[in-house]
Amino acid sequence: MIKKWRPFWSYDVEKTEHWLAEMAAEGKKVVQVNLITRFFAFEEAVSAKVEYQIIYDKLKSPLTRTLEKSGWKSRVEEGNWRFVENAKDAIRAYPVRDGILKRNKLHATVATGVSFFSGAQALFMLLLLLILLTSGEGFEGSGPFGIIVSAHLTQSVVIMFLAIYLKKKIRAFEHNYFNTGEDVLNTTGETFSIWKLSWAETPDLLEDWLSDMALRGNHFVRIGKQNGRFNFEKGEPKHVSYVYDYQLKASSLYYDLHKSEGWKLKYTSTFSITKQSIWMKEYKPGEKKPQFTYDPVEEKKRIRKVIIGNALSILFPVAISTFLLWIGIPFYKEEGLTLLIQFLIGVIILSMALPIRLVYRTIRYGLRMRHKLTNPHRI
């Protein structure tokens, strides 16, 4: 029996499936998967051309008749996981991927949350270490604490990279199986870029700006990797409706639903916990401007999601800054306002300027949307 270690196999199932098929072609068939140690066990067998699919199903439902008729057979079953194989040349039906996507999204969300919390802890411990090193006691006793801080910082970085890795794999998985890819315009003419920071805080202003740009013949192509650089192509003026949509949790059907209605996806967030998307749809002069919904109740829900999202993004940095100021009071009293401590206090206070600005912009956004919903004929 041969054993192979694949620690991250469940986060890149496509690669794992190809690997299992290659092993089968070499005469090694999988017979066991240890979900704890992440080891795959293989037995020697006759070389065969086999295709594998991995299923994640908490209900542990049997294979459907459609899959069985298509030639799929269970090879290994461990926990909620099932590894099925198919030796046919022409396969008509494949297992669904929803279970894997939901499971990996949950893991990515947890990893992201833990990375934020761990990073905040590491920052706090680093500040304490700096205060300790610059105190009158010198460096005595700071060694063990420095080791703890270094270990904590290392842990934070590892968790952060794990969260980024999971998000990257999930994005590729969604793109391949759930039609979540952006509809990017193939540029053939003159292009230019405009920087627009904090654009997601005020969706109504963003939508109006992009529509006005289209009326002037400047058509939105994509958002650059810097996430604030909007790329445009010069062309003929067009009437285009843009919608910024904020989803606390976007299902795979979300994209298919809007694309089937003629909307084109111009942007979708990559590494954030929530989903931010920009959609566009052309319309003819004189026609009613397309919207995701014309129902005021549904529109209020959409606005509420944006406000809640902004509030959540404000809460974390404000809580961290307040905690750091509060926990440092004993040190300030004991050591006095040294140059380092004054610098740290200044950095913390300045870091609260952005949340205050976001609060102001969110309130203005809420008031504008309230006016729009109560006075639709004036808009």
Protein backbone atom coordinates (compact mmCIF):
# COMPACT_ATOMS: atom_id res chain seq x y z
CA MET A 1 0.00 0.00 0.00
CA ILE A 2 1.26 3.46 -0.95
CA LYS A 3 0.41 6.61 1.02
CA LYS A 4 0.55 10.20 -0.23
CA TRP A 5 0.10 13.36 1.83
CA ARG A 6 -2.14 16.10 0.39
CA PRO A 7 -2.83 18.64 3.20
CA PHE A 8 -4.92 21.07 1.10
CA TRP A 9 -6.64 18.64 -1.27
CA SER A 10 -10.18 19.67 -0.31
CA TYR A 11 -9.56 23.33 -1.22
CA ASP A 12 -8.47 22.52 -4.76
CA VAL A 13 -10.67 19.56 -5.70
CA GLU A 14 -10.06 19.96 -9.44
CA LYS A 15 -6.33 19.48 -8.98
CA THR A 16 -6.98 16.55 -6.64
CA GLU A 17 -9.30 14.89 -9.18
CA HIS A 18 -6.68 15.21 -11.94
CA TRP A 19 -4.05 13.82 -9.58
CA LEU A 20 -6.22 10.78 -8.73
CA ALA A 21 -6.78 10.15 -12.45
CA GLU A 22 -3.01 10.31 -13.06
CA MET A 23 -2.39 7.87 -10.22
CA ALA A 24 -4.98 5.46 -11.73
CA ALA A 25 -3.23 5.70 -15.09
CA GLU A 26 -0.01 4.67 -13.30
CA GLY A 27 -1.77 1.62 -11.84
CA LYS A 28 -2.51 3.04 -8.39
CA LYS A 29 -6.14 3.24 -7.27
CA VAL A 30 -7.21 5.16 -4.18
CA VAL A 31 -8.71 2.96 -1.45
CA GLN A 32 -8.76 5.22 1.60
CA VAL A 33 -8.63 8.90 2.54
CA ASN A 34 -7.82 9.93 6.11
CA LEU A 35 -9.62 13.22 6.72
CA ILE A 36 -7.54 14.00 9.82
CA THR A 37 -3.99 13.19 8.69
CA ARG A 38 -4.79 14.14 5.04
CA PHE A 39 -3.13 10.96 3.72
CA PHE A 40 -4.38 9.13 0.61
CA ALA A 41 -3.84 5.37 0.50
CA PHE A 42 -3.40 3.56 -2.86
CA GLU A 43 -3.23 -0.07 -3.93
CA GLU A 44 -1.51 -1.48 -6.98
CA ALA A 45 -3.98 -2.17 -9.80
CA VAL A 46 -4.18 -2.45 -13.56
CA SER A 47 -3.51 0.85 -15.30
CA ALA A 48 -6.82 2.44 -16.33
CA LYS A 49 -8.17 5.63 -17.80
CA VAL A 50 -10.57 6.85 -15.11
CA GLU A 51 -12.13 10.21 -14.35
CA TYR A 52 -12.71 11.19 -10.73
CA GLN A 53 -15.17 13.58 -9.11
CA ILE A 54 -15.31 14.61 -5.47
CA ILE A 55 -18.65 15.17 -3.73
CA TYR A 56 -19.31 16.85 -0.39
CA ASP A 57 -22.75 16.01 0.98
CA LYS A 58 -23.74 16.32 4.63
CA LEU A 59 -26.91 14.29 3.97
CA LYS A 60 -24.84 11.46 2.45
CA SER A 61 -27.45 10.92 -0.24
CA PRO A 62 -26.94 8.01 -2.65
CA LEU A 63 -25.94 8.69 -6.23
CA THR A 64 -28.85 9.67 -8.43
CA ARG A 65 -30.02 7.37 -11.21
CA THR A 66 -28.82 9.90 -13.77
CA LEU A 67 -25.28 9.72 -12.40
CA GLU A 68 -25.35 5.94 -12.17
CA LYS A 69 -26.55 5.66 -15.79
CA SER A 70 -23.72 7.96 -16.80
CA GLY A 71 -21.27 5.46 -15.31
CA TRP A 72 -20.38 6.99 -11.96
CA LYS A 73 -19.52 4.59 -9.11
CA SER A 74 -18.43 5.25 -5.54
CA ARG A 75 -14.77 4.54 -4.95
CA VAL A 76 -14.17 5.85 -1.43
CA GLU A 77 -16.54 7.29 1.18
CA GLU A 78 -15.19 9.10 4.24
CA GLY A 79 -17.37 11.29 6.46
CA ASN A 80 -19.29 13.74 4.28
CA TRP A 81 -16.92 13.14 1.37
CA ARG A 82 -17.41 10.76 -1.52
CA PHE A 83 -14.92 9.99 -4.27
CA VAL A 84 -16.62 8.66 -7.39
CA GLU A 85 -15.04 7.35 -10.57
CA ASN A 86 -16.11 6.86 -14.18
CA ALA A 87 -14.34 4.82 -16.84
CA LYS A 88 -16.59 5.80 -19.75
CA ASP A 89 -15.24 7.80 -22.67
CA ALA A 90 -18.37 9.94 -23.09
CA ILE A 91 -19.83 11.19 -19.82
CA ARG A 92 -23.20 12.95 -20.02
CA ALA A 93 -23.79 13.99 -16.41
CA TYR A 94 -21.56 15.17 -13.59
CA PRO A 95 -22.15 15.58 -9.82
CA VAL A 96 -23.12 19.02 -8.53
CA ARG A 97 -20.53 21.23 -6.86
CA ASP A 98 -22.69 23.22 -4.43
CA GLY A 99 -21.69 21.28 -1.32
CA ILE A 100 -17.97 21.83 -1.86
CA LEU A 101 -18.47 25.54 -2.57
CA LYS A 102 -20.55 26.11 0.58
CA ARG A 103 -18.10 24.20 2.76
CA ASN A 104 -15.02 25.99 1.45
CA LYS A 105 -16.72 29.41 1.66
CA LEU A 106 -17.45 28.77 5.33
CA HIS A 107 -13.82 27.82 5.96
CA ALA A 108 -12.62 30.93 4.12
CA THR A 109 -14.94 33.17 6.15
CA VAL A 110 -13.72 31.66 9.43
CA ALA A 111 -10.07 31.97 8.36
CA THR A 112 -10.61 35.62 7.38
CA GLY A 113 -12.26 36.43 10.71
CA VAL A 114 -9.53 34.67 12.68
CA SER A 115 -6.82 36.47 10.69
CA PHE A 116 -8.36 39.87 11.55
CA PHE A 117 -8.64 38.97 15.24
CA SER A 118 -5.17 37.45 15.37
CA GLY A 119 -3.70 40.45 13.56
CA ALA A 120 -5.28 42.83 16.07
CA GLN A 121 -3.84 40.82 18.94
CA ALA A 122 -0.40 40.82 17.33
CA LEU A 123 -0.57 44.60 16.83
CA PHE A 124 -1.49 45.14 20.47
CA MET A 125 1.33 42.89 21.68
CA LEU A 126 3.80 44.65 19.36
CA LEU A 127 2.83 48.04 20.79
CA LEU A 128 3.34 46.71 24.33
CA LEU A 129 6.75 45.38 23.31
CA LEU A 130 7.77 48.78 21.88
CA ILE A 131 6.68 50.52 25.08
CA LEU A 132 8.57 47.94 27.15
CA LEU A 133 11.75 48.32 25.12
CA THR A 134 11.71 52.10 25.44
CA SER A 135 10.86 52.14 29.15
CA GLY A 136 13.33 52.95 31.88
CA GLU A 137 13.74 49.24 32.73
CA GLY A 138 15.71 48.67 29.53
CA PHE A 139 15.61 45.33 27.77
CA GLU A 140 15.55 43.11 30.84
CA GLY A 141 12.60 40.76 30.79
CA SER A 142 11.63 41.74 27.28
CA GLY A 143 13.26 38.65 25.72
CA PRO A 144 10.55 36.06 26.52
CA PHE A 145 7.83 38.55 25.67
CA GLY A 146 9.58 39.33 22.38
CA ILE A 147 9.58 35.63 21.50
CA ILE A 148 5.85 35.42 22.22
CA VAL A 149 5.17 38.48 20.04
CA SER A 150 7.26 37.04 17.19
CA ALA A 151 5.42 33.74 17.38
CA HIS A 152 2.07 35.51 17.39
CA LEU A 153 3.02 37.68 14.42
CA THR A 154 4.14 34.58 12.50
CA GLN A 155 0.85 32.86 13.30
CA SER A 156 -1.11 35.92 12.11
CA VAL A 157 0.79 36.03 8.81
CA VAL A 158 0.26 32.29 8.23
CA ILE A 159 -3.50 32.55 8.87
CA MET A 160 -3.73 35.63 6.64
CA PHE A 161 -2.04 33.83 3.74
CA LEU A 162 -4.28 30.80 4.31
CA ALA A 163 -7.36 33.03 4.05
CA ILE A 164 -6.02 34.59 0.83
CA TYR A 165 -5.26 31.13 -0.57
CA LEU A 166 -8.78 29.89 0.19
CA LYS A 167 -10.37 32.97 -1.38
CA LYS A 168 -8.26 32.57 -4.50
CA LYS A 169 -9.20 28.91 -4.92
CA ILE A 170 -12.88 29.61 -4.28
CA ARG A 171 -12.90 32.37 -6.89
CA ALA A 172 -11.34 30.04 -9.49
CA PHE A 173 -13.81 27.28 -8.55
CA GLU A 174 -16.80 29.62 -8.90
CA HIS A 175 -15.53 30.93 -12.21
CA ASN A 176 -15.25 27.40 -13.65
CA TYR A 177 -18.56 25.98 -12.43
CA PHE A 178 -20.96 28.77 -11.48
CA ASN A 179 -20.73 31.44 -14.19
CA THR A 180 -19.35 34.09 -11.84
CA GLY A 181 -16.77 35.46 -14.26
CA GLU A 182 -16.71 39.16 -15.07
CA ASP A 183 -17.95 40.23 -18.52
CA VAL A 184 -14.90 42.24 -19.52
CA LEU A 185 -15.10 44.46 -22.60
CA ASN A 186 -12.45 43.68 -25.21
CA THR A 187 -10.97 47.09 -25.86
CA THR A 188 -10.11 48.06 -29.43
CA GLY A 189 -9.92 51.84 -29.14
CA GLU A 190 -8.39 54.49 -26.92
CA THR A 191 -8.43 53.72 -23.20
CA PHE A 192 -7.76 55.77 -20.08
CA SER A 193 -7.97 55.42 -16.31
CA ILE A 194 -9.48 57.44 -13.47
CA TRP A 195 -8.69 56.92 -9.81
CA LYS A 196 -11.73 56.85 -7.54
CA LEU A 197 -11.10 55.86 -3.94
CA SER A 198 -13.80 54.81 -1.45
CA TRP A 199 -16.24 54.29 -4.34
CA ALA A 200 -18.16 51.50 -2.60
CA GLU A 201 -19.28 53.77 0.26
CA THR A 202 -21.77 55.69 -1.89
CA PRO A 203 -23.32 53.35 -4.51
CA ASP A 204 -25.77 55.94 -5.85
CA LEU A 205 -23.00 58.41 -6.74
CA LEU A 206 -20.98 55.61 -8.34
CA GLU A 207 -23.92 54.46 -10.48
CA ASP A 208 -24.71 58.01 -11.64
CA TRP A 209 -21.05 58.69 -12.42
CA LEU A 210 -20.64 55.56 -14.55
CA SER A 211 -23.91 56.27 -16.41
CA ASP A 212 -22.84 59.87 -17.09
CA MET A 213 -19.48 58.63 -18.38
CA ALA A 214 -21.29 56.28 -20.80
CA LEU A 215 -23.46 59.15 -22.08
CA ARG A 216 -20.23 61.00 -22.89
CA GLY A 217 -18.87 57.98 -24.75
CA ASN A 218 -16.59 56.76 -21.98
CA HIS A 219 -17.44 53.13 -21.35
CA PHE A 220 -16.43 51.32 -18.16
CA VAL A 221 -14.14 48.35 -18.88
CA ARG A 222 -12.90 47.07 -15.53
CA ILE A 223 -11.46 47.99 -12.15
CA GLY A 224 -7.71 47.55 -11.93
CA LYS A 225 -5.90 45.38 -9.44
CA GLN A 226 -5.40 48.45 -7.22
CA ASN A 227 -9.20 48.40 -6.59
CA GLY A 228 -9.51 52.15 -7.10
CA ARG A 229 -8.43 52.52 -10.71
CA PHE A 230 -11.38 52.58 -13.11
CA ASN A 231 -10.49 51.80 -16.73
CA PHE A 232 -12.57 53.25 -19.59
CA GLU A 233 -12.64 53.02 -23.38
CA LYS A 234 -13.66 55.93 -25.63
CA GLY A 235 -16.56 55.19 -27.99
CA GLU A 236 -20.03 56.23 -29.04
CA PRO A 237 -22.35 57.69 -26.38
CA LYS A 238 -24.78 55.10 -24.99
CA HIS A 239 -27.53 54.88 -22.40
CA VAL A 240 -26.28 52.42 -19.80
CA SER A 241 -27.70 51.59 -16.40
CA TYR A 242 -25.20 50.62 -13.70
CA VAL A 243 -26.09 48.91 -10.44
CA TYR A 244 -23.78 48.44 -7.47
CA ASP A 245 -25.01 45.47 -5.43
CA TYR A 246 -23.87 44.44 -1.98
CA GLN A 247 -24.52 40.88 -0.85
CA LEU A 248 -23.75 39.60 2.63
CA LYS A 249 -23.84 36.13 1.09
CA ALA A 250 -24.08 35.57 -2.67
CA SER A 251 -25.22 32.11 -3.84
CA SER A 252 -24.12 30.54 -7.09
CA LEU A 253 -27.59 31.19 -8.55
CA TYR A 254 -27.21 34.94 -7.92
CA TYR A 255 -25.00 35.40 -10.99
CA ASP A 256 -27.01 33.14 -13.30
CA LEU A 257 -30.24 34.94 -12.38
CA HIS A 258 -29.02 38.44 -13.30
CA LYS A 259 -27.05 37.33 -16.36
CA SER A 260 -30.15 35.57 -17.71
CA GLU A 261 -31.96 38.93 -17.47
CA GLY A 262 -29.38 40.60 -19.70
CA TRP A 263 -27.16 42.15 -17.04
CA LYS A 264 -23.39 42.03 -17.51
CA LEU A 265 -21.07 41.62 -14.56
CA LYS A 266 -18.34 44.28 -14.69
CA TYR A 267 -16.80 43.73 -11.27
CA THR A 268 -17.06 41.37 -8.32
CA SER A 269 -14.98 41.52 -5.14
CA THR A 270 -12.26 38.92 -4.74
CA PHE A 271 -10.99 38.63 -1.19
CA SER A 272 -13.63 40.34 0.93
CA ILE A 273 -15.93 38.30 3.16
CA THR A 274 -19.00 39.86 1.55
CA LYS A 275 -19.72 40.24 -2.17
CA GLN A 276 -19.61 43.63 -3.89
CA SER A 277 -20.62 43.66 -7.55
CA ILE A 278 -21.09 46.19 -10.34
CA TRP A 279 -23.58 45.30 -13.09
CA MET A 280 -24.45 47.08 -16.35
CA LYS A 281 -27.25 46.93 -18.90
CA GLU A 282 -27.76 49.05 -22.00
CA TYR A 283 -31.13 50.55 -22.88
CA LYS A 284 -32.55 52.71 -25.65
CA PRO A 285 -33.41 56.42 -25.31
CA GLY A 286 -36.97 56.80 -24.07
CA GLU A 287 -37.02 53.43 -22.32
CA LYS A 288 -37.26 53.13 -18.56
CA LYS A 289 -33.84 52.89 -16.95
CA PRO A 290 -33.27 49.22 -15.97
CA GLN A 291 -32.94 48.45 -12.28
CA PHE A 292 -32.52 45.28 -10.27
CA THR A 293 -35.88 45.95 -8.65
CA TYR A 294 -38.64 48.51 -8.97
CA ASP A 295 -40.21 47.49 -5.66
CA PRO A 296 -39.57 50.13 -2.94
CA VAL A 297 -39.52 47.44 -0.25
CA GLU A 298 -36.83 45.45 -2.07
CA GLU A 299 -34.90 48.65 -2.77
CA LYS A 300 -34.95 49.50 0.95
CA LYS A 301 -33.49 46.07 1.71
CA ARG A 302 -30.70 46.67 -0.79
CA ILE A 303 -29.92 50.07 0.74
CA ARG A 304 -30.00 48.58 4.23
CA LYS A 305 -27.38 45.98 3.22
CA VAL A 306 -24.99 48.73 2.13
CA ILE A 307 -25.47 50.65 5.38
CA ILE A 308 -24.98 47.49 7.47
CA GLY A 309 -21.86 46.63 5.48
CA ASN A 310 -20.41 50.10 6.04
CA ALA A 311 -21.26 49.90 9.74
CA LEU A 312 -19.48 46.55 10.09
CA SER A 313 -16.39 47.90 8.32
CA ILE A 314 -16.38 50.84 10.76
CA LEU A 315 -16.89 48.78 13.89
CA PHE A 316 -13.69 46.74 13.75
CA PRO A 317 -11.07 49.55 13.37
CA VAL A 318 -12.87 51.80 15.87
CA ALA A 319 -13.04 48.97 18.42
CA ILE A 320 -9.35 48.17 17.97
CA SER A 321 -8.26 51.83 18.22
CA THR A 322 -10.40 52.43 21.31
CA PHE A 323 -9.08 49.26 22.96
CA LEU A 324 -5.46 50.21 22.28
CA LEU A 325 -5.98 53.68 23.77
CA TRP A 326 -7.75 52.27 26.82
CA ILE A 327 -5.30 49.46 27.51
CA GLY A 328 -2.36 51.81 27.19
CA ILE A 329 -3.53 54.24 29.90
CA PRO A 330 -1.53 52.49 32.71
CA PHE A 331 1.63 52.72 30.61
CA TYR A 332 1.00 56.38 29.81
CA LYS A 333 0.62 57.19 33.52
CA GLU A 334 3.68 55.18 34.57
CA GLU A 335 6.12 56.10 31.79
CA GLY A 336 4.77 59.54 30.93
CA LEU A 337 4.14 60.85 27.45
CA THR A 338 7.44 59.85 25.89
CA LEU A 339 8.10 60.66 22.25
CA LEU A 340 7.24 57.09 21.19
CA ILE A 341 4.01 57.03 23.18
CA GLN A 342 2.99 60.42 21.73
CA PHE A 343 3.68 59.05 18.24
CA LEU A 344 1.61 55.90 18.89
CA ILE A 345 -1.30 57.92 20.28
CA GLY A 346 -1.18 60.16 17.21
CA VAL A 347 -1.23 57.15 14.85
CA ILE A 348 -4.20 55.63 16.68
CA ILE A 349 -6.16 58.90 16.60
CA LEU A 350 -5.40 59.43 12.91
CA SER A 351 -6.49 55.88 12.16
CA MET A 352 -9.96 56.82 13.44
CA ALA A 353 -10.29 59.61 10.85
CA LEU A 354 -11.25 57.20 8.05
CA PRO A 355 -14.08 55.55 10.04
CA ILE A 356 -15.43 59.01 10.95
CA ARG A 357 -15.37 59.99 7.27
CA LEU A 358 -17.16 56.74 6.37
CA VAL A 359 -19.85 57.46 8.99
CA TYR A 360 -20.44 60.89 7.46
CA ARG A 361 -20.62 59.54 3.90
CA THR A 362 -22.93 56.68 4.95
CA ILE A 363 -25.34 59.09 6.66
CA ARG A 364 -25.39 61.29 3.56
CA TYR A 365 -26.04 58.21 1.40
CA GLY A 366 -28.92 57.10 3.61
CA LEU A 367 -30.51 60.58 3.49
CA ARG A 368 -30.20 60.74 -0.32
CA MET A 369 -31.78 57.33 -0.80
CA ARG A 370 -34.56 58.16 1.64
CA HIS A 371 -35.31 61.31 -0.38
CA LYS A 372 -35.22 59.32 -3.62
CA LEU A 373 -37.70 56.72 -2.35
CA THR A 374 -40.09 59.30 -0.89
CA ASN A 375 -39.88 61.59 -3.93
CA PRO A 376 -39.39 59.26 -6.93
CA HIS A 377 -40.95 61.74 -9.41
CA ARG A 378 -38.22 64.31 -8.66
CA ILE A 379 -35.37 61.96 -9.42
